C-alpha atoms as a PDB file:
ATOM      1  CA  UNK A   1       4.418 -14.865 -11.591  1.00  0.00           C
ATOM      2  CA  UNK A   2       1.480 -13.998 -13.847  1.00  0.00           C
ATOM      3  CA  UNK A   3       1.290 -11.080 -16.159  1.00  0.00           C
ATOM      4  CA  UNK A   4      -1.821  -9.452 -17.794  1.00  0.00           C
ATOM      5  CA  UNK A   5      -1.415  -6.698 -20.374  1.00  0.00           C
ATOM      6  CA  UNK A   6       1.543  -4.638 -21.174  1.00  0.00           C
ATOM      7  CA  UNK A   7       3.333  -1.429 -20.171  1.00  0.00           C
ATOM      8  CA  UNK A   8       2.310   2.159 -20.878  1.00  0.00           C
ATOM      9  CA  UNK A   9       4.259   4.460 -23.079  1.00  0.00           C
ATOM     10  CA  UNK A  10       5.001   7.319 -20.550  1.00  0.00           C
ATOM     11  CA  UNK A  11       8.613   7.523 -19.397  1.00  0.00           C
ATOM     12  CA  UNK A  12       8.944   7.061 -15.648  1.00  0.00           C
ATOM     13  CA  UNK A  13      10.369   9.903 -13.495  1.00  0.00           C
ATOM     14  CA  UNK A  14      13.612   9.475 -11.625  1.00  0.00           C
ATOM     15  CA  UNK A  15      12.235   9.682  -8.146  1.00  0.00           C
ATOM     16  CA  UNK A  16      10.271   6.863  -6.426  1.00  0.00           C
ATOM     17  CA  UNK A  17       8.002   7.630  -3.528  1.00  0.00           C
ATOM     18  CA  UNK A  18       6.903   4.705  -1.227  1.00  0.00           C
ATOM     19  CA  UNK A  19       3.603   4.887   0.691  1.00  0.00           C
ATOM     20  CA  UNK A  20       3.193   2.608   3.621  1.00  0.00           C
ATOM     21  CA  UNK A  21       0.247   0.582   5.111  1.00  0.00           C
ATOM     22  CA  UNK A  22      -1.966   1.583   8.012  1.00  0.00           C
ATOM     23  CA  UNK A  23      -0.261   1.330  11.395  1.00  0.00           C
ATOM     24  CA  UNK A  24       3.272   1.045  10.060  1.00  0.00           C
ATOM     25  CA  UNK A  25       5.663   3.710   8.809  1.00  0.00           C
ATOM     26  CA  UNK A  26       8.429   4.335   6.277  1.00  0.00           C
ATOM     27  CA  UNK A  27      10.552   1.561   7.806  1.00  0.00           C
ATOM     28  CA  UNK A  28       8.349  -1.039   6.235  1.00  0.00           C
ATOM     29  CA  UNK A  29      10.450  -0.364   3.006  1.00  0.00           C
ATOM     30  CA  UNK A  30      13.929  -0.579   4.552  1.00  0.00           C
ATOM     31  CA  UNK A  31      14.798  -3.856   2.879  1.00  0.00           C
ATOM     32  CA  UNK A  32      13.511  -3.031  -0.592  1.00  0.00           C
ATOM     33  CA  UNK A  33      14.581   0.547  -1.434  1.00  0.00           C
ATOM     34  CA  UNK A  34      15.989   1.277  -4.815  1.00  0.00           C
ATOM     35  CA  UNK A  35      18.293   4.089  -5.991  1.00  0.00           C
ATOM     36  CA  UNK A  36      16.165   7.423  -6.223  1.00  0.00           C
ATOM     37  CA  UNK A  37      13.648   6.126  -3.656  1.00  0.00           C
ATOM     38  CA  UNK A  38      12.099   8.342  -0.988  1.00  0.00           C
ATOM     39  CA  UNK A  39       9.694   7.326   1.844  1.00  0.00           C
ATOM     40  CA  UNK A  40       7.066   9.248   3.573  1.00  0.00           C
ATOM     41  CA  UNK A  41       5.194   8.814   6.902  1.00  0.00           C
ATOM     42  CA  UNK A  42       1.511   9.459   6.858  1.00  0.00           C
ATOM     43  CA  UNK A  43       0.108  11.740   9.608  1.00  0.00           C
ATOM     44  CA  UNK A  44       0.175  10.062  12.921  1.00  0.00           C
ATOM     45  CA  UNK A  45       2.586   7.402  11.784  1.00  0.00           C
ATOM     46  CA  UNK A  46       6.311   7.227  12.527  1.00  0.00           C
ATOM     47  CA  UNK A  47       7.723  10.661  12.895  1.00  0.00           C
ATOM     48  CA  UNK A  48       4.734  12.504  11.335  1.00  0.00           C
ATOM     49  CA  UNK A  49       2.391  14.393  13.605  1.00  0.00           C
ATOM     50  CA  UNK A  50      -1.288  13.384  13.650  1.00  0.00           C
ATOM     51  CA  UNK A  51      -4.064  15.504  12.204  1.00  0.00           C
ATOM     52  CA  UNK A  52      -7.599  16.075  13.579  1.00  0.00           C
ATOM     53  CA  UNK A  53      -9.365  14.602  10.539  1.00  0.00           C
ATOM     54  CA  UNK A  54      -8.230  11.757   8.382  1.00  0.00           C
ATOM     55  CA  UNK A  55      -9.640  11.294   4.858  1.00  0.00           C
ATOM     56  CA  UNK A  56      -8.536   9.837   1.536  1.00  0.00           C
ATOM     57  CA  UNK A  57      -8.745  13.281  -0.048  1.00  0.00           C
ATOM     58  CA  UNK A  58      -6.681  14.742   2.848  1.00  0.00           C
ATOM     59  CA  UNK A  59      -4.017  12.045   2.328  1.00  0.00           C
ATOM     60  CA  UNK A  60      -3.716  12.837  -1.354  1.00  0.00           C
ATOM     61  CA  UNK A  61      -3.235  16.472  -0.440  1.00  0.00           C
ATOM     62  CA  UNK A  62      -0.581  15.514   2.035  1.00  0.00           C
ATOM     63  CA  UNK A  63       1.307  13.445  -0.611  1.00  0.00           C
ATOM     64  CA  UNK A  64       0.990  16.145  -3.221  1.00  0.00           C
ATOM     65  CA  UNK A  65       2.584  18.572  -0.850  1.00  0.00           C
ATOM     66  CA  UNK A  66       5.639  16.362  -0.860  1.00  0.00           C
ATOM     67  CA  UNK A  67       5.910  16.140  -4.649  1.00  0.00           C
ATOM     68  CA  UNK A  68       7.776  18.575  -6.694  1.00  0.00           C
ATOM     69  CA  UNK A  69       7.747  16.736 -10.031  1.00  0.00           C
ATOM     70  CA  UNK A  70       6.196  13.542 -11.469  1.00  0.00           C
ATOM     71  CA  UNK A  71       7.347  10.516  -9.480  1.00  0.00           C
ATOM     72  CA  UNK A  72       6.820   6.766  -9.476  1.00  0.00           C
ATOM     73  CA  UNK A  73       4.397   6.082  -6.717  1.00  0.00           C
ATOM     74  CA  UNK A  74       4.519   2.730  -4.839  1.00  0.00           C
ATOM     75  CA  UNK A  75       1.804   2.113  -2.494  1.00  0.00           C
ATOM     76  CA  UNK A  76       1.112  -0.910  -0.095  1.00  0.00           C
ATOM     77  CA  UNK A  77      -2.391  -1.590   1.327  1.00  0.00           C
ATOM     78  CA  UNK A  78      -3.474   1.829   2.598  1.00  0.00           C
ATOM     79  CA  UNK A  79      -0.648   3.349   0.557  1.00  0.00           C
ATOM     80  CA  UNK A  80      -1.977   1.617  -2.552  1.00  0.00           C
ATOM     81  CA  UNK A  81      -5.416   3.130  -2.030  1.00  0.00           C
ATOM     82  CA  UNK A  82      -3.964   6.596  -1.734  1.00  0.00           C
ATOM     83  CA  UNK A  83      -1.740   5.991  -4.782  1.00  0.00           C
ATOM     84  CA  UNK A  84      -4.854   5.089  -6.846  1.00  0.00           C
ATOM     85  CA  UNK A  85      -6.619   8.253  -5.760  1.00  0.00           C
ATOM     86  CA  UNK A  86      -3.475  10.254  -6.588  1.00  0.00           C
ATOM     87  CA  UNK A  87      -3.154   8.749 -10.069  1.00  0.00           C
ATOM     88  CA  UNK A  88      -6.747   9.537 -10.786  1.00  0.00           C
ATOM     89  CA  UNK A  89      -6.868  13.033  -9.298  1.00  0.00           C
ATOM     90  CA  UNK A  90      -3.492  14.368 -10.168  1.00  0.00           C
ATOM     91  CA  UNK A  91      -2.237  12.338 -13.148  1.00  0.00           C
ATOM     92  CA  UNK A  92       0.478  14.926 -13.942  1.00  0.00           C
ATOM     93  CA  UNK A  93       2.173  14.140 -10.584  1.00  0.00           C
ATOM     94  CA  UNK A  94       2.476  10.408 -11.312  1.00  0.00           C
ATOM     95  CA  UNK A  95       5.093   9.144 -13.700  1.00  0.00           C
ATOM     96  CA  UNK A  96       4.243   5.555 -13.002  1.00  0.00           C
ATOM     97  CA  UNK A  97       2.318   3.542 -10.438  1.00  0.00           C
ATOM     98  CA  UNK A  98       2.778   0.417  -8.433  1.00  0.00           C
ATOM     99  CA  UNK A  99      -0.173  -0.729  -6.316  1.00  0.00           C
ATOM    100  CA  UNK A 100       0.671  -3.640  -3.876  1.00  0.00           C
ATOM    101  CA  UNK A 101      -1.756  -5.829  -1.992  1.00  0.00           C
ATOM    102  CA  UNK A 102      -4.534  -3.215  -2.065  1.00  0.00           C
ATOM    103  CA  UNK A 103      -8.052  -2.843  -3.360  1.00  0.00           C
ATOM    104  CA  UNK A 104     -10.008  -0.381  -5.512  1.00  0.00           C
ATOM    105  CA  UNK A 105     -13.023  -0.449  -3.163  1.00  0.00           C
ATOM    106  CA  UNK A 106     -13.170  -1.174   0.527  1.00  0.00           C
ATOM    107  CA  UNK A 107     -15.902  -3.046   2.397  1.00  0.00           C
ATOM    108  CA  UNK A 108     -17.157  -0.094   4.486  1.00  0.00           C
ATOM    109  CA  UNK A 109     -18.602  -2.122   7.301  1.00  0.00           C
ATOM    110  CA  UNK A 110     -15.485  -4.244   7.724  1.00  0.00           C
ATOM    111  CA  UNK A 111     -13.390  -0.963   7.897  1.00  0.00           C
ATOM    112  CA  UNK A 112     -15.733   0.512  10.559  1.00  0.00           C
ATOM    113  CA  UNK A 113     -15.771  -2.710  12.532  1.00  0.00           C
ATOM    114  CA  UNK A 114     -11.988  -2.594  12.714  1.00  0.00           C
ATOM    115  CA  UNK A 115     -12.190   0.990  13.936  1.00  0.00           C
ATOM    116  CA  UNK A 116     -14.718  -0.081  16.636  1.00  0.00           C
ATOM    117  CA  UNK A 117     -12.553  -2.949  17.676  1.00  0.00           C
ATOM    118  CA  UNK A 118      -9.516  -0.770  18.038  1.00  0.00           C
ATOM    119  CA  UNK A 119     -11.240   1.845  20.181  1.00  0.00           C
ATOM    120  CA  UNK A 120     -12.714  -0.963  22.410  1.00  0.00           C
ATOM    121  CA  UNK A 121      -9.594  -3.152  22.728  1.00  0.00           C
ATOM    122  CA  UNK A 122      -6.607  -0.802  22.028  1.00  0.00           C
ATOM    123  CA  UNK A 123      -3.733  -1.843  19.892  1.00  0.00           C
ATOM    124  CA  UNK A 124      -3.082  -4.904  21.997  1.00  0.00           C
ATOM    125  CA  UNK A 125      -6.600  -6.023  21.523  1.00  0.00           C
ATOM    126  CA  UNK A 126      -6.193  -5.954  17.642  1.00  0.00           C
ATOM    127  CA  UNK A 127      -2.645  -7.087  17.370  1.00  0.00           C
ATOM    128  CA  UNK A 128      -3.151 -10.750  16.933  1.00  0.00           C
ATOM    129  CA  UNK A 129      -5.846 -10.532  14.216  1.00  0.00           C
ATOM    130  CA  UNK A 130      -3.816  -7.801  12.392  1.00  0.00           C
ATOM    131  CA  UNK A 131      -0.617  -9.800  12.276  1.00  0.00           C
ATOM    132  CA  UNK A 132      -2.529 -12.945  11.236  1.00  0.00           C
ATOM    133  CA  UNK A 133      -4.090 -11.058   8.362  1.00  0.00           C
ATOM    134  CA  UNK A 134      -0.701  -9.718   7.248  1.00  0.00           C
ATOM    135  CA  UNK A 135       1.773 -12.582   7.513  1.00  0.00           C
ATOM    136  CA  UNK A 136       1.878 -16.310   6.718  1.00  0.00           C
ATOM    137  CA  UNK A 137       1.673 -18.779   9.612  1.00  0.00           C
ATOM    138  CA  UNK A 138       5.337 -19.756   8.986  1.00  0.00           C
ATOM    139  CA  UNK A 139       6.562 -16.263   9.435  1.00  0.00           C
ATOM    140  CA  UNK A 140       4.401 -15.735  12.678  1.00  0.00           C
ATOM    141  CA  UNK A 141       5.850 -19.050  14.013  1.00  0.00           C
ATOM    142  CA  UNK A 142       9.441 -18.001  13.408  1.00  0.00           C
ATOM    143  CA  UNK A 143      11.133 -16.607  16.566  1.00  0.00           C
ATOM    144  CA  UNK A 144      12.711 -13.249  15.830  1.00  0.00           C
ATOM    145  CA  UNK A 145      11.283 -12.838  12.332  1.00  0.00           C
ATOM    146  CA  UNK A 146      12.448  -9.289  11.515  1.00  0.00           C
ATOM    147  CA  UNK A 147       9.362  -8.322   9.502  1.00  0.00           C
ATOM    148  CA  UNK A 148       6.881  -9.698  12.131  1.00  0.00           C
ATOM    149  CA  UNK A 149       8.889  -8.191  15.052  1.00  0.00           C
ATOM    150  CA  UNK A 150       8.955  -4.700  13.422  1.00  0.00           C
ATOM    151  CA  UNK A 151       5.214  -4.796  12.622  1.00  0.00           C
ATOM    152  CA  UNK A 152       4.426  -5.922  16.214  1.00  0.00           C
ATOM    153  CA  UNK A 153       6.488  -3.259  17.751  1.00  0.00           C
ATOM    154  CA  UNK A 154       5.252  -0.568  15.537  1.00  0.00           C
ATOM    155  CA  UNK A 155       1.486  -1.442  16.050  1.00  0.00           C
ATOM    156  CA  UNK A 156       1.880  -1.675  19.833  1.00  0.00           C
ATOM    157  CA  UNK A 157       3.405   1.848  19.672  1.00  0.00           C
ATOM    158  CA  UNK A 158       0.497   3.379  17.647  1.00  0.00           C
ATOM    159  CA  UNK A 159      -2.204   5.597  19.023  1.00  0.00           C
ATOM    160  CA  UNK A 160      -5.450   3.500  18.927  1.00  0.00           C
ATOM    161  CA  UNK A 161      -7.515   6.625  18.069  1.00  0.00           C
ATOM    162  CA  UNK A 162      -5.333   7.399  15.031  1.00  0.00           C
ATOM    163  CA  UNK A 163      -5.441   3.811  13.972  1.00  0.00           C
ATOM    164  CA  UNK A 164      -9.224   3.842  14.086  1.00  0.00           C
ATOM    165  CA  UNK A 165      -9.524   7.156  12.235  1.00  0.00           C
ATOM    166  CA  UNK A 166      -7.574   5.616   9.353  1.00  0.00           C
ATOM    167  CA  UNK A 167      -9.843   2.609   9.236  1.00  0.00           C
ATOM    168  CA  UNK A 168     -12.847   5.038   9.012  1.00  0.00           C
ATOM    169  CA  UNK A 169     -11.141   6.973   6.237  1.00  0.00           C
ATOM    170  CA  UNK A 170     -10.546   3.726   4.366  1.00  0.00           C
ATOM    171  CA  UNK A 171     -14.299   2.921   4.591  1.00  0.00           C
ATOM    172  CA  UNK A 172     -14.864   5.726   2.065  1.00  0.00           C
ATOM    173  CA  UNK A 173     -12.387   4.331  -0.440  1.00  0.00           C
ATOM    174  CA  UNK A 174     -13.978   3.371  -3.913  1.00  0.00           C
ATOM    175  CA  UNK A 175     -12.294   4.299  -7.149  1.00  0.00           C
ATOM    176  CA  UNK A 176     -13.298   1.245  -9.150  1.00  0.00           C
ATOM    177  CA  UNK A 177     -15.376   3.237 -11.597  1.00  0.00           C
ATOM    178  CA  UNK A 178     -12.416   5.588 -12.278  1.00  0.00           C
ATOM    179  CA  UNK A 179      -9.640   3.055 -12.807  1.00  0.00           C
ATOM    180  CA  UNK A 180     -10.066   3.340 -16.477  1.00  0.00           C
ATOM    181  CA  UNK A 181      -8.886   6.990 -16.382  1.00  0.00           C
ATOM    182  CA  UNK A 182      -5.440   6.165 -14.985  1.00  0.00           C
ATOM    183  CA  UNK A 183      -2.869   7.056 -17.683  1.00  0.00           C
ATOM    184  CA  UNK A 184       0.388   6.226 -15.865  1.00  0.00           C
ATOM    185  CA  UNK A 185       2.177   2.969 -16.620  1.00  0.00           C
ATOM    186  CA  UNK A 186       0.948   0.775 -13.820  1.00  0.00           C
ATOM    187  CA  UNK A 187       1.966  -2.524 -12.179  1.00  0.00           C
ATOM    188  CA  UNK A 188      -0.497  -4.259  -9.796  1.00  0.00           C
ATOM    189  CA  UNK A 189       1.349  -6.728  -7.409  1.00  0.00           C
ATOM    190  CA  UNK A 190      -0.615  -9.343  -5.436  1.00  0.00           C
ATOM    191  CA  UNK A 191       0.442 -11.781  -2.861  1.00  0.00           C
ATOM    192  CA  UNK A 192      -0.550 -15.347  -3.537  1.00  0.00           C
ATOM    193  CA  UNK A 193      -1.300 -15.927   0.088  1.00  0.00           C
ATOM    194  CA  UNK A 194      -2.737 -12.512   0.922  1.00  0.00           C
ATOM    195  CA  UNK A 195      -5.672 -12.766   3.315  1.00  0.00           C
ATOM    196  CA  UNK A 196      -6.529  -9.106   2.993  1.00  0.00           C
ATOM    197  CA  UNK A 197      -6.502  -8.319  -0.682  1.00  0.00           C
ATOM    198  CA  UNK A 198      -6.928 -11.468  -2.780  1.00  0.00           C
ATOM    199  CA  UNK A 199      -5.109 -12.042  -6.100  1.00  0.00           C
ATOM    200  CA  UNK A 200      -8.438 -12.331  -7.823  1.00  0.00           C
ATOM    201  CA  UNK A 201      -9.400  -8.689  -6.586  1.00  0.00           C
ATOM    202  CA  UNK A 202      -6.230  -7.327  -7.705  1.00  0.00           C
ATOM    203  CA  UNK A 203      -6.287  -9.003 -11.068  1.00  0.00           C
ATOM    204  CA  UNK A 204      -9.734  -7.377 -11.705  1.00  0.00           C
ATOM    205  CA  UNK A 205      -8.044  -4.009 -10.853  1.00  0.00           C
ATOM    206  CA  UNK A 206      -5.375  -4.584 -13.382  1.00  0.00           C
ATOM    207  CA  UNK A 207      -7.921  -5.429 -16.083  1.00  0.00           C
ATOM    208  CA  UNK A 208      -9.692  -2.128 -15.413  1.00  0.00           C
ATOM    209  CA  UNK A 209      -6.591   0.069 -15.758  1.00  0.00           C
ATOM    210  CA  UNK A 210      -5.438   0.625 -19.368  1.00  0.00           C
ATOM    211  CA  UNK A 211      -2.352  -1.427 -20.267  1.00  0.00           C
ATOM    212  CA  UNK A 212      -1.603  -2.380 -16.568  1.00  0.00           C
ATOM    213  CA  UNK A 213       0.737  -5.257 -15.718  1.00  0.00           C
ATOM    214  CA  UNK A 214      -0.375  -7.849 -13.081  1.00  0.00           C
ATOM    215  CA  UNK A 215       2.083  -9.919 -11.019  1.00  0.00           C
ATOM    216  CA  UNK A 216       1.534 -12.463  -8.291  1.00  0.00           C
ATOM    217  CA  UNK A 217       4.352 -13.073  -5.781  1.00  0.00           C
ATOM    218  CA  UNK A 218       4.515 -16.010  -3.530  1.00  0.00           C
ATOM    219  CA  UNK A 219       3.819 -14.314  -0.300  1.00  0.00           C
ATOM    220  CA  UNK A 220       1.254 -12.695   2.033  1.00  0.00           C
ATOM    221  CA  UNK A 221      -0.105  -9.147   2.491  1.00  0.00           C
ATOM    222  CA  UNK A 222       3.114  -7.626   3.833  1.00  0.00           C
ATOM    223  CA  UNK A 223       5.232  -8.639   0.841  1.00  0.00           C
ATOM    224  CA  UNK A 224       8.124  -6.178   1.517  1.00  0.00           C
ATOM    225  CA  UNK A 225       8.522  -7.620   5.028  1.00  0.00           C
ATOM    226  CA  UNK A 226       8.224 -11.309   4.286  1.00  0.00           C
ATOM    227  CA  UNK A 227       9.427 -11.465   0.649  1.00  0.00           C
ATOM    228  CA  UNK A 228      11.749  -8.520   0.271  1.00  0.00           C
ATOM    229  CA  UNK A 229      14.025  -9.916  -2.394  1.00  0.00           C
ATOM    230  CA  UNK A 230      11.181 -10.957  -4.690  1.00  0.00           C
ATOM    231  CA  UNK A 231       9.365  -7.642  -4.118  1.00  0.00           C
ATOM    232  CA  UNK A 232      12.550  -5.703  -4.980  1.00  0.00           C
ATOM    233  CA  UNK A 233      12.956  -7.779  -8.170  1.00  0.00           C
ATOM    234  CA  UNK A 234       9.272  -6.926  -9.131  1.00  0.00           C
ATOM    235  CA  UNK A 235      10.078  -3.265  -8.579  1.00  0.00           C
ATOM    236  CA  UNK A 236      13.031  -3.526 -10.953  1.00  0.00           C
ATOM    237  CA  UNK A 237      10.827  -5.146 -13.570  1.00  0.00           C
ATOM    238  CA  UNK A 238       8.289  -2.345 -13.231  1.00  0.00           C
ATOM    239  CA  UNK A 239      11.014   0.390 -13.720  1.00  0.00           C
ATOM    240  CA  UNK A 240      12.362  -1.417 -16.776  1.00  0.00           C
ATOM    241  CA  UNK A 241       8.928  -1.579 -18.327  1.00  0.00           C
ATOM    242  CA  UNK A 242       8.002   1.973 -17.545  1.00  0.00           C
ATOM    243  CA  UNK A 243      11.284   3.607 -18.096  1.00  0.00           C
END
């Protein structure tokens, strides 16, 4: 574990809201939930009905509609992007912030290419490359690995058009210039073996957010699915710092 900076002074709210990655749902958090935690499916994921238009602004509006008071926001990958937008746009709704294996700015062409690949090949056509990006080779080679099996089943059940629309929405994600305005106590968590969001990228994010704490866990992009105990411990550390 590596730490940069310290913790902020605002006291964390009691409720924790977890935001999931693209293509998965609230069950990604089943092994790491803490007391006071609540999960939310994005539109078109899990039990949530799809919407005609997907945008980062629309996803922030969607989350805000489910918040009654300031909460600790925990976002993984896509969820981490939405969490950053939320903390910048509606700081009064965010008691503290945890961004996991995400980025402050997407590579637009990469996101659009993933959308194109999904529309052309369907979910089965992008399954292998997605799982390879998310998990370590060891986990992928382990028969019956619960995290891999869940992700595989969830992805194959997804609507390819919904999946593609989310990639296109992520192409517009860029909040790097605004990270310095985040006031909530923040922890940035990277996976040492993350092939989608490198530790170097996430450390830069931490340095741009005032008083943010940066941690590296020994795992891949899907830390809660492959390293649930270590991830839960990191969450406890965040709550101790921010509370």
